Amino acid sequence: MLSKEKIARISELSRKSKSTGLSIEEAKEQSALRKEYLETFRATMRDTIESVKVIDPAGNDVTPLKVKQAKKGKFLN
């Protein structure tokens, strides 16, 4: 999870970019923060999807094979 301070800084730089523009250093900082945010988001989403178990109304496990394989691979590593 990205800290609240970093998320606030991303928002601050975005507002400044739209209003007055960013210096070269600020643009680099914004790019690095966005990259870190996306990496964190993707990792969290991947963990969420891999932890899902789908059950049909009859009570059968119908989790997609790809999710099951990803889950097994995660525990083997």
N, C-alpha and C. Protein backbone atom coordinates (compact mmCIF):
# COMPACT_ATOMS: atom_id res chain seq x y z
N MET A 1 0.85 -1.18 0.00
CA MET A 1 0.00 0.00 0.00
C MET A 1 0.89 1.24 0.00
N LEU A 2 0.54 2.15 -0.83
CA LEU A 2 1.27 3.41 -0.92
C LEU A 2 0.86 4.32 0.24
N SER A 3 1.80 5.03 0.81
CA SER A 3 1.49 5.89 1.95
C SER A 3 0.58 7.03 1.54
N LYS A 4 -0.15 7.56 2.51
CA LYS A 4 -1.05 8.68 2.25
C LYS A 4 -0.28 9.91 1.78
N GLU A 5 0.94 10.06 2.28
CA GLU A 5 1.76 11.20 1.88
C GLU A 5 2.12 11.13 0.39
N LYS A 6 2.44 9.93 -0.07
CA LYS A 6 2.80 9.78 -1.48
C LYS A 6 1.59 9.99 -2.38
N ILE A 7 0.44 9.49 -1.97
CA ILE A 7 -0.78 9.69 -2.75
C ILE A 7 -1.13 11.18 -2.79
N ALA A 8 -0.98 11.85 -1.66
CA ALA A 8 -1.24 13.29 -1.61
C ALA A 8 -0.27 14.04 -2.53
N ARG A 9 0.98 13.60 -2.57
CA ARG A 9 1.98 14.26 -3.42
C ARG A 9 1.65 14.03 -4.90
N ILE A 10 1.18 12.85 -5.25
CA ILE A 10 0.76 12.59 -6.63
C ILE A 10 -0.35 13.55 -7.02
N SER A 11 -1.33 13.71 -6.14
CA SER A 11 -2.45 14.61 -6.41
C SER A 11 -1.98 16.05 -6.52
N GLU A 12 -1.09 16.44 -5.63
CA GLU A 12 -0.56 17.81 -5.64
C GLU A 12 0.17 18.10 -6.95
N LEU A 13 1.01 17.17 -7.38
CA LEU A 13 1.74 17.36 -8.63
C LEU A 13 0.79 17.38 -9.84
N SER A 14 -0.25 16.58 -9.78
CA SER A 14 -1.22 16.56 -10.87
C SER A 14 -1.94 17.91 -10.98
N ARG A 15 -2.36 18.45 -9.84
CA ARG A 15 -3.02 19.77 -9.85
C ARG A 15 -2.08 20.84 -10.36
N LYS A 16 -0.82 20.80 -9.91
CA LYS A 16 0.14 21.80 -10.34
C LYS A 16 0.42 21.67 -11.84
N SER A 17 0.48 20.44 -12.32
CA SER A 17 0.72 20.20 -13.75
C SER A 17 -0.37 20.84 -14.60
N LYS A 18 -1.61 20.75 -14.15
CA LYS A 18 -2.74 21.31 -14.89
C LYS A 18 -2.79 22.83 -14.80
N SER A 19 -2.33 23.38 -13.68
CA SER A 19 -2.46 24.83 -13.50
C SER A 19 -1.25 25.60 -14.01
N THR A 20 -0.07 25.33 -13.48
CA THR A 20 1.11 26.14 -13.83
C THR A 20 2.20 25.37 -14.56
N GLY A 21 2.11 24.05 -14.57
CA GLY A 21 3.15 23.25 -15.19
C GLY A 21 4.18 22.80 -14.16
N LEU A 22 4.94 21.78 -14.52
CA LEU A 22 5.93 21.21 -13.61
C LEU A 22 7.35 21.50 -14.09
N SER A 23 8.25 21.59 -13.11
CA SER A 23 9.67 21.69 -13.48
C SER A 23 10.13 20.29 -13.89
N ILE A 24 11.31 20.20 -14.43
CA ILE A 24 11.84 18.90 -14.87
C ILE A 24 11.94 17.93 -13.69
N GLU A 25 12.40 18.43 -12.54
CA GLU A 25 12.53 17.58 -11.36
C GLU A 25 11.17 17.09 -10.88
N GLU A 26 10.19 17.98 -10.89
CA GLU A 26 8.85 17.60 -10.45
C GLU A 26 8.23 16.59 -11.42
N ALA A 27 8.47 16.75 -12.70
CA ALA A 27 7.95 15.81 -13.69
C ALA A 27 8.57 14.42 -13.47
N LYS A 28 9.85 14.38 -13.17
CA LYS A 28 10.52 13.09 -12.89
C LYS A 28 9.95 12.47 -11.62
N GLU A 29 9.74 13.30 -10.59
CA GLU A 29 9.17 12.81 -9.34
C GLU A 29 7.76 12.26 -9.59
N GLN A 30 6.96 12.99 -10.36
CA GLN A 30 5.60 12.56 -10.66
C GLN A 30 5.61 11.22 -11.40
N SER A 31 6.50 11.07 -12.35
CA SER A 31 6.60 9.84 -13.11
C SER A 31 6.98 8.66 -12.21
N ALA A 32 7.94 8.88 -11.33
CA ALA A 32 8.38 7.82 -10.41
C ALA A 32 7.25 7.44 -9.44
N LEU A 33 6.54 8.43 -8.93
CA LEU A 33 5.44 8.15 -8.01
C LEU A 33 4.31 7.40 -8.71
N ARG A 34 4.00 7.80 -9.93
CA ARG A 34 2.96 7.10 -10.69
C ARG A 34 3.35 5.66 -10.95
N LYS A 35 4.60 5.44 -11.29
CA LYS A 35 5.09 4.08 -11.55
C LYS A 35 4.96 3.23 -10.28
N GLU A 36 5.37 3.78 -9.15
CA GLU A 36 5.27 3.06 -7.88
C GLU A 36 3.81 2.76 -7.54
N TYR A 37 2.93 3.73 -7.78
CA TYR A 37 1.51 3.55 -7.52
C TYR A 37 0.94 2.41 -8.37
N LEU A 38 1.26 2.41 -9.66
CA LEU A 38 0.75 1.36 -10.55
C LEU A 38 1.28 -0.02 -10.18
N GLU A 39 2.54 -0.11 -9.81
CA GLU A 39 3.11 -1.40 -9.39
C GLU A 39 2.39 -1.92 -8.15
N THR A 40 2.13 -1.04 -7.20
CA THR A 40 1.43 -1.42 -5.98
C THR A 40 0.01 -1.85 -6.29
N PHE A 41 -0.67 -1.07 -7.13
CA PHE A 41 -2.05 -1.40 -7.51
C PHE A 41 -2.12 -2.75 -8.19
N ARG A 42 -1.22 -3.00 -9.13
CA ARG A 42 -1.23 -4.27 -9.87
C ARG A 42 -0.96 -5.46 -8.95
N ALA A 43 -0.02 -5.30 -8.03
CA ALA A 43 0.29 -6.39 -7.10
C ALA A 43 -0.90 -6.70 -6.20
N THR A 44 -1.55 -5.66 -5.72
CA THR A 44 -2.73 -5.84 -4.86
C THR A 44 -3.86 -6.51 -5.63
N MET A 45 -4.08 -6.05 -6.85
CA MET A 45 -5.15 -6.64 -7.68
C MET A 45 -4.85 -8.10 -7.99
N ARG A 46 -3.60 -8.41 -8.30
CA ARG A 46 -3.20 -9.79 -8.58
C ARG A 46 -3.45 -10.67 -7.37
N ASP A 47 -3.08 -10.21 -6.18
CA ASP A 47 -3.31 -10.98 -4.96
C ASP A 47 -4.80 -11.20 -4.72
N THR A 48 -5.60 -10.17 -4.98
CA THR A 48 -7.04 -10.28 -4.79
C THR A 48 -7.63 -11.31 -5.74
N ILE A 49 -7.27 -11.24 -6.99
CA ILE A 49 -7.81 -12.17 -7.98
C ILE A 49 -7.38 -13.60 -7.68
N GLU A 50 -6.14 -13.79 -7.27
CA GLU A 50 -5.64 -15.13 -6.98
C GLU A 50 -6.27 -15.73 -5.73
N SER A 51 -6.84 -14.91 -4.87
CA SER A 51 -7.45 -15.44 -3.66
C SER A 51 -8.94 -15.72 -3.83
N VAL A 52 -9.50 -15.43 -5.00
CA VAL A 52 -10.92 -15.64 -5.26
C VAL A 52 -11.20 -17.12 -5.51
N LYS A 53 -12.31 -17.58 -4.95
CA LYS A 53 -12.79 -18.94 -5.21
C LYS A 53 -14.24 -18.79 -5.66
N VAL A 54 -14.56 -19.32 -6.83
CA VAL A 54 -15.89 -19.17 -7.40
C VAL A 54 -16.68 -20.45 -7.17
N ILE A 55 -17.86 -20.29 -6.56
CA ILE A 55 -18.73 -21.42 -6.27
C ILE A 55 -20.06 -21.21 -7.00
N ASP A 56 -20.53 -22.23 -7.74
CA ASP A 56 -21.82 -22.10 -8.44
C ASP A 56 -22.97 -22.37 -7.46
N PRO A 57 -24.21 -22.13 -7.89
CA PRO A 57 -25.36 -22.32 -6.98
C PRO A 57 -25.48 -23.74 -6.42
N ALA A 58 -24.95 -24.73 -7.11
CA ALA A 58 -25.00 -26.12 -6.64
C ALA A 58 -23.91 -26.43 -5.62
N GLY A 59 -23.00 -25.48 -5.39
CA GLY A 59 -21.94 -25.68 -4.42
C GLY A 59 -20.65 -26.22 -5.00
N ASN A 60 -20.54 -26.26 -6.32
CA ASN A 60 -19.33 -26.77 -6.98
C ASN A 60 -18.32 -25.64 -7.18
N ASP A 61 -17.07 -25.99 -7.02
CA ASP A 61 -15.99 -25.03 -7.26
C ASP A 61 -15.82 -24.87 -8.77
N VAL A 62 -16.09 -23.67 -9.29
CA VAL A 62 -15.97 -23.40 -10.72
C VAL A 62 -14.95 -22.28 -10.97
N THR A 63 -13.96 -22.22 -10.09
CA THR A 63 -12.91 -21.23 -10.24
C THR A 63 -12.18 -21.49 -11.56
N PRO A 64 -11.94 -20.44 -12.36
CA PRO A 64 -11.23 -20.65 -13.64
C PRO A 64 -9.88 -21.32 -13.43
N LEU A 65 -9.53 -22.19 -14.36
CA LEU A 65 -8.28 -22.95 -14.28
C LEU A 65 -7.06 -22.04 -14.17
N LYS A 66 -7.09 -20.94 -14.90
CA LYS A 66 -5.96 -20.02 -14.88
C LYS A 66 -5.73 -19.45 -13.48
N VAL A 67 -6.80 -19.16 -12.76
CA VAL A 67 -6.67 -18.65 -11.39
C VAL A 67 -6.13 -19.74 -10.47
N LYS A 68 -6.63 -20.97 -10.64
CA LYS A 68 -6.14 -22.09 -9.83
C LYS A 68 -4.64 -22.31 -10.06
N GLN A 69 -4.22 -22.26 -11.32
CA GLN A 69 -2.81 -22.45 -11.64
C GLN A 69 -1.96 -21.33 -11.07
N ALA A 70 -2.43 -20.11 -11.13
CA ALA A 70 -1.70 -18.98 -10.57
C ALA A 70 -1.53 -19.14 -9.06
N LYS A 71 -2.59 -19.62 -8.42
CA LYS A 71 -2.55 -19.82 -6.97
C LYS A 71 -1.55 -20.91 -6.61
N LYS A 72 -1.53 -22.01 -7.38
CA LYS A 72 -0.58 -23.09 -7.12
C LYS A 72 0.85 -22.62 -7.35
N GLY A 73 1.08 -21.89 -8.40
CA GLY A 73 2.41 -21.37 -8.71
C GLY A 73 2.92 -20.44 -7.63
N LYS A 74 2.00 -19.71 -7.04
CA LYS A 74 2.37 -18.76 -5.99
C LYS A 74 2.87 -19.51 -4.75
N PHE A 75 2.23 -20.63 -4.44
CA PHE A 75 2.63 -21.37 -3.24
C PHE A 75 3.87 -22.21 -3.48
N LEU A 76 4.18 -22.52 -4.73
CA LEU A 76 5.36 -23.30 -5.03
C LEU A 76 6.62 -22.45 -5.00
N ASN A 77 6.49 -21.16 -5.25
CA ASN A 77 7.66 -20.28 -5.28
C ASN A 77 8.15 -19.93 -3.93
